[in-house]
Amino acid sequence: MYRYLPVKEFFVSKENGRYSSYGILVICEDKKQNAVKAHVSDAFAKYEDALHFANLCTEAQLDPIHLIDVLEDTL
């Protein structure tokens, strides 16, 4: 089973200075172990948006190989 999770991250840029945003982490859960399958940084400004996206991907059991495409289509 794939579980998509929002992850808070902190960045510094010349244009924006310090800021935080949310990425998406994908974990494959099975009976033996949990393994990180994918991670996309700096995708959402708001936690609620990241959580909603993560929940939709988890419910649909989106294969992580499609994460970038779906994320680009969403944004």
N, C-alpha and C. Protein backbone atom coordinates (compact mmCIF):
# COMPACT_ATOMS: atom_id res chain seq x y z
N MET A 1 0.84 -1.18 0.00
CA MET A 1 0.00 0.00 0.00
C MET A 1 0.89 1.24 0.00
N TYR A 2 0.55 2.22 -0.82
CA TYR A 2 1.26 3.49 -0.84
C TYR A 2 0.56 4.48 0.08
N ARG A 3 1.36 5.15 0.90
CA ARG A 3 0.82 6.21 1.75
C ARG A 3 1.55 7.51 1.37
N TYR A 4 0.76 8.51 1.04
CA TYR A 4 1.29 9.83 0.67
C TYR A 4 1.13 10.75 1.87
N LEU A 5 2.20 11.45 2.21
CA LEU A 5 2.21 12.30 3.40
C LEU A 5 2.75 13.69 3.08
N PRO A 6 2.13 14.72 3.65
CA PRO A 6 2.71 16.06 3.52
C PRO A 6 3.89 16.19 4.48
N VAL A 7 4.94 16.88 4.03
CA VAL A 7 6.15 17.04 4.84
C VAL A 7 6.52 18.52 4.84
N LYS A 8 6.61 19.11 6.04
CA LYS A 8 6.99 20.52 6.14
C LYS A 8 8.50 20.65 5.94
N GLU A 9 8.88 21.63 5.11
CA GLU A 9 10.29 21.84 4.80
C GLU A 9 10.61 23.32 4.95
N PHE A 10 11.88 23.61 5.18
CA PHE A 10 12.33 24.99 5.35
C PHE A 10 13.40 25.29 4.32
N PHE A 11 13.32 26.48 3.73
CA PHE A 11 14.23 26.88 2.67
C PHE A 11 14.69 28.31 2.86
N VAL A 12 15.77 28.66 2.17
CA VAL A 12 16.25 30.03 2.11
C VAL A 12 16.57 30.31 0.64
N SER A 13 16.03 31.42 0.15
CA SER A 13 16.34 31.83 -1.22
C SER A 13 16.67 33.31 -1.25
N LYS A 14 17.41 33.73 -2.25
CA LYS A 14 17.76 35.15 -2.38
C LYS A 14 16.52 36.00 -2.60
N GLU A 15 15.56 35.47 -3.34
CA GLU A 15 14.34 36.23 -3.66
C GLU A 15 13.37 36.33 -2.50
N ASN A 16 13.19 35.22 -1.78
CA ASN A 16 12.16 35.14 -0.74
C ASN A 16 12.70 35.14 0.69
N GLY A 17 13.99 35.03 0.86
CA GLY A 17 14.54 34.88 2.20
C GLY A 17 14.18 33.51 2.77
N ARG A 18 13.92 33.46 4.06
CA ARG A 18 13.52 32.21 4.70
C ARG A 18 12.04 31.96 4.46
N TYR A 19 11.70 30.73 4.16
CA TYR A 19 10.29 30.37 4.01
C TYR A 19 10.11 28.88 4.25
N SER A 20 8.89 28.50 4.53
CA SER A 20 8.56 27.09 4.67
C SER A 20 7.53 26.72 3.62
N SER A 21 7.54 25.47 3.25
CA SER A 21 6.55 24.94 2.31
C SER A 21 6.38 23.47 2.62
N TYR A 22 5.56 22.81 1.84
CA TYR A 22 5.25 21.40 2.07
C TYR A 22 5.56 20.58 0.84
N GLY A 23 6.24 19.49 1.07
CA GLY A 23 6.51 18.52 0.03
C GLY A 23 5.62 17.31 0.24
N ILE A 24 5.77 16.35 -0.64
CA ILE A 24 5.01 15.10 -0.56
C ILE A 24 6.00 13.94 -0.46
N LEU A 25 5.79 13.10 0.53
CA LEU A 25 6.59 11.90 0.74
C LEU A 25 5.71 10.69 0.47
N VAL A 26 6.27 9.72 -0.25
CA VAL A 26 5.52 8.49 -0.55
C VAL A 26 6.22 7.32 0.13
N ILE A 27 5.45 6.59 0.93
CA ILE A 27 5.96 5.42 1.63
C ILE A 27 5.18 4.19 1.16
N CYS A 28 5.90 3.13 0.88
CA CYS A 28 5.26 1.86 0.56
C CYS A 28 5.21 1.06 1.85
N GLU A 29 4.01 0.79 2.32
CA GLU A 29 3.82 0.05 3.56
C GLU A 29 3.48 -1.40 3.24
N ASP A 30 4.20 -2.31 3.84
CA ASP A 30 3.82 -3.71 3.76
C ASP A 30 4.06 -4.35 5.12
N LYS A 31 3.78 -5.64 5.24
CA LYS A 31 3.87 -6.30 6.54
C LYS A 31 5.30 -6.39 7.06
N LYS A 32 6.28 -6.41 6.18
CA LYS A 32 7.66 -6.59 6.60
C LYS A 32 8.39 -5.28 6.89
N GLN A 33 8.09 -4.24 6.09
CA GLN A 33 8.83 -2.99 6.26
C GLN A 33 8.11 -1.83 5.60
N ASN A 34 8.56 -0.63 5.92
CA ASN A 34 8.11 0.58 5.25
C ASN A 34 9.31 1.13 4.49
N ALA A 35 9.11 1.50 3.25
CA ALA A 35 10.21 2.02 2.45
C ALA A 35 9.78 3.30 1.75
N VAL A 36 10.65 4.29 1.76
CA VAL A 36 10.38 5.53 1.04
C VAL A 36 10.51 5.25 -0.45
N LYS A 37 9.49 5.62 -1.20
CA LYS A 37 9.48 5.38 -2.64
C LYS A 37 9.70 6.64 -3.45
N ALA A 38 9.29 7.80 -2.92
CA ALA A 38 9.44 9.06 -3.67
C ALA A 38 9.32 10.23 -2.71
N HIS A 39 9.87 11.36 -3.14
CA HIS A 39 9.76 12.59 -2.36
C HIS A 39 9.84 13.76 -3.33
N VAL A 40 8.91 14.68 -3.20
CA VAL A 40 8.91 15.91 -4.00
C VAL A 40 8.92 17.07 -3.01
N SER A 41 9.89 17.96 -3.16
CA SER A 41 10.03 19.10 -2.26
C SER A 41 9.30 20.33 -2.78
N ASP A 42 8.97 21.22 -1.84
CA ASP A 42 8.53 22.57 -2.16
C ASP A 42 7.36 22.60 -3.14
N ALA A 43 6.35 21.79 -2.87
CA ALA A 43 5.23 21.67 -3.81
C ALA A 43 4.02 22.52 -3.43
N PHE A 44 3.80 22.73 -2.14
CA PHE A 44 2.61 23.46 -1.68
C PHE A 44 2.99 24.50 -0.64
N ALA A 45 2.31 25.63 -0.68
CA ALA A 45 2.53 26.68 0.31
C ALA A 45 1.71 26.42 1.58
N LYS A 46 0.55 25.79 1.43
CA LYS A 46 -0.35 25.56 2.55
C LYS A 46 -0.42 24.08 2.92
N TYR A 47 -0.42 23.82 4.23
CA TYR A 47 -0.52 22.45 4.72
C TYR A 47 -1.81 21.79 4.25
N GLU A 48 -2.91 22.52 4.31
CA GLU A 48 -4.22 21.95 3.93
C GLU A 48 -4.21 21.46 2.49
N ASP A 49 -3.58 22.20 1.59
CA ASP A 49 -3.51 21.79 0.18
C ASP A 49 -2.65 20.54 0.03
N ALA A 50 -1.53 20.50 0.73
CA ALA A 50 -0.66 19.33 0.67
C ALA A 50 -1.35 18.10 1.24
N LEU A 51 -2.06 18.27 2.34
CA LEU A 51 -2.77 17.16 2.96
C LEU A 51 -3.88 16.64 2.05
N HIS A 52 -4.62 17.54 1.44
CA HIS A 52 -5.70 17.13 0.53
C HIS A 52 -5.12 16.34 -0.65
N PHE A 53 -4.06 16.85 -1.25
CA PHE A 53 -3.42 16.16 -2.37
C PHE A 53 -2.92 14.78 -1.93
N ALA A 54 -2.25 14.71 -0.78
CA ALA A 54 -1.73 13.45 -0.27
C ALA A 54 -2.85 12.44 -0.02
N ASN A 55 -3.95 12.90 0.55
CA ASN A 55 -5.09 12.00 0.80
C ASN A 55 -5.68 11.46 -0.49
N LEU A 56 -5.82 12.32 -1.48
CA LEU A 56 -6.35 11.87 -2.78
C LEU A 56 -5.44 10.82 -3.41
N CYS A 57 -4.14 11.04 -3.36
CA CYS A 57 -3.20 10.09 -3.94
C CYS A 57 -3.20 8.77 -3.19
N THR A 58 -3.32 8.83 -1.86
CA THR A 58 -3.39 7.61 -1.06
C THR A 58 -4.66 6.83 -1.38
N GLU A 59 -5.79 7.53 -1.42
CA GLU A 59 -7.06 6.86 -1.73
C GLU A 59 -7.04 6.21 -3.11
N ALA A 60 -6.43 6.88 -4.08
CA ALA A 60 -6.38 6.36 -5.45
C ALA A 60 -5.27 5.32 -5.62
N GLN A 61 -4.40 5.19 -4.61
CA GLN A 61 -3.23 4.33 -4.68
C GLN A 61 -2.41 4.63 -5.95
N LEU A 62 -2.14 5.92 -6.12
CA LEU A 62 -1.34 6.39 -7.24
C LEU A 62 0.04 5.76 -7.19
N ASP A 63 0.47 5.19 -8.31
CA ASP A 63 1.82 4.65 -8.39
C ASP A 63 2.80 5.83 -8.35
N PRO A 64 3.82 5.78 -7.51
CA PRO A 64 4.74 6.89 -7.37
C PRO A 64 5.41 7.34 -8.67
N ILE A 65 5.49 6.48 -9.66
CA ILE A 65 6.11 6.90 -10.92
C ILE A 65 5.29 7.99 -11.61
N HIS A 66 4.03 8.14 -11.23
CA HIS A 66 3.16 9.15 -11.82
C HIS A 66 3.04 10.41 -10.97
N LEU A 67 3.71 10.45 -9.83
CA LEU A 67 3.56 11.56 -8.89
C LEU A 67 3.87 12.91 -9.52
N ILE A 68 4.98 13.05 -10.20
CA ILE A 68 5.38 14.33 -10.78
C ILE A 68 4.35 14.79 -11.80
N ASP A 69 3.89 13.89 -12.66
CA ASP A 69 2.90 14.26 -13.68
C ASP A 69 1.60 14.73 -13.05
N VAL A 70 1.12 14.02 -12.05
CA VAL A 70 -0.14 14.37 -11.40
C VAL A 70 0.03 15.70 -10.64
N LEU A 71 1.16 15.87 -10.00
CA LEU A 71 1.44 17.12 -9.29
C LEU A 71 1.49 18.29 -10.25
N GLU A 72 2.15 18.15 -11.38
CA GLU A 72 2.19 19.22 -12.39
C GLU A 72 0.80 19.55 -12.92
N ASP A 73 -0.02 18.53 -13.14
CA ASP A 73 -1.39 18.76 -13.62
C ASP A 73 -2.23 19.45 -12.56
N THR A 74 -1.96 19.19 -11.29
CA THR A 74 -2.72 19.77 -10.19
C THR A 74 -2.38 21.24 -9.99
N LEU A 75 -1.11 21.56 -10.12
CA LEU A 75 -0.68 22.93 -9.88
C LEU A 75 -0.82 23.69 -11.15
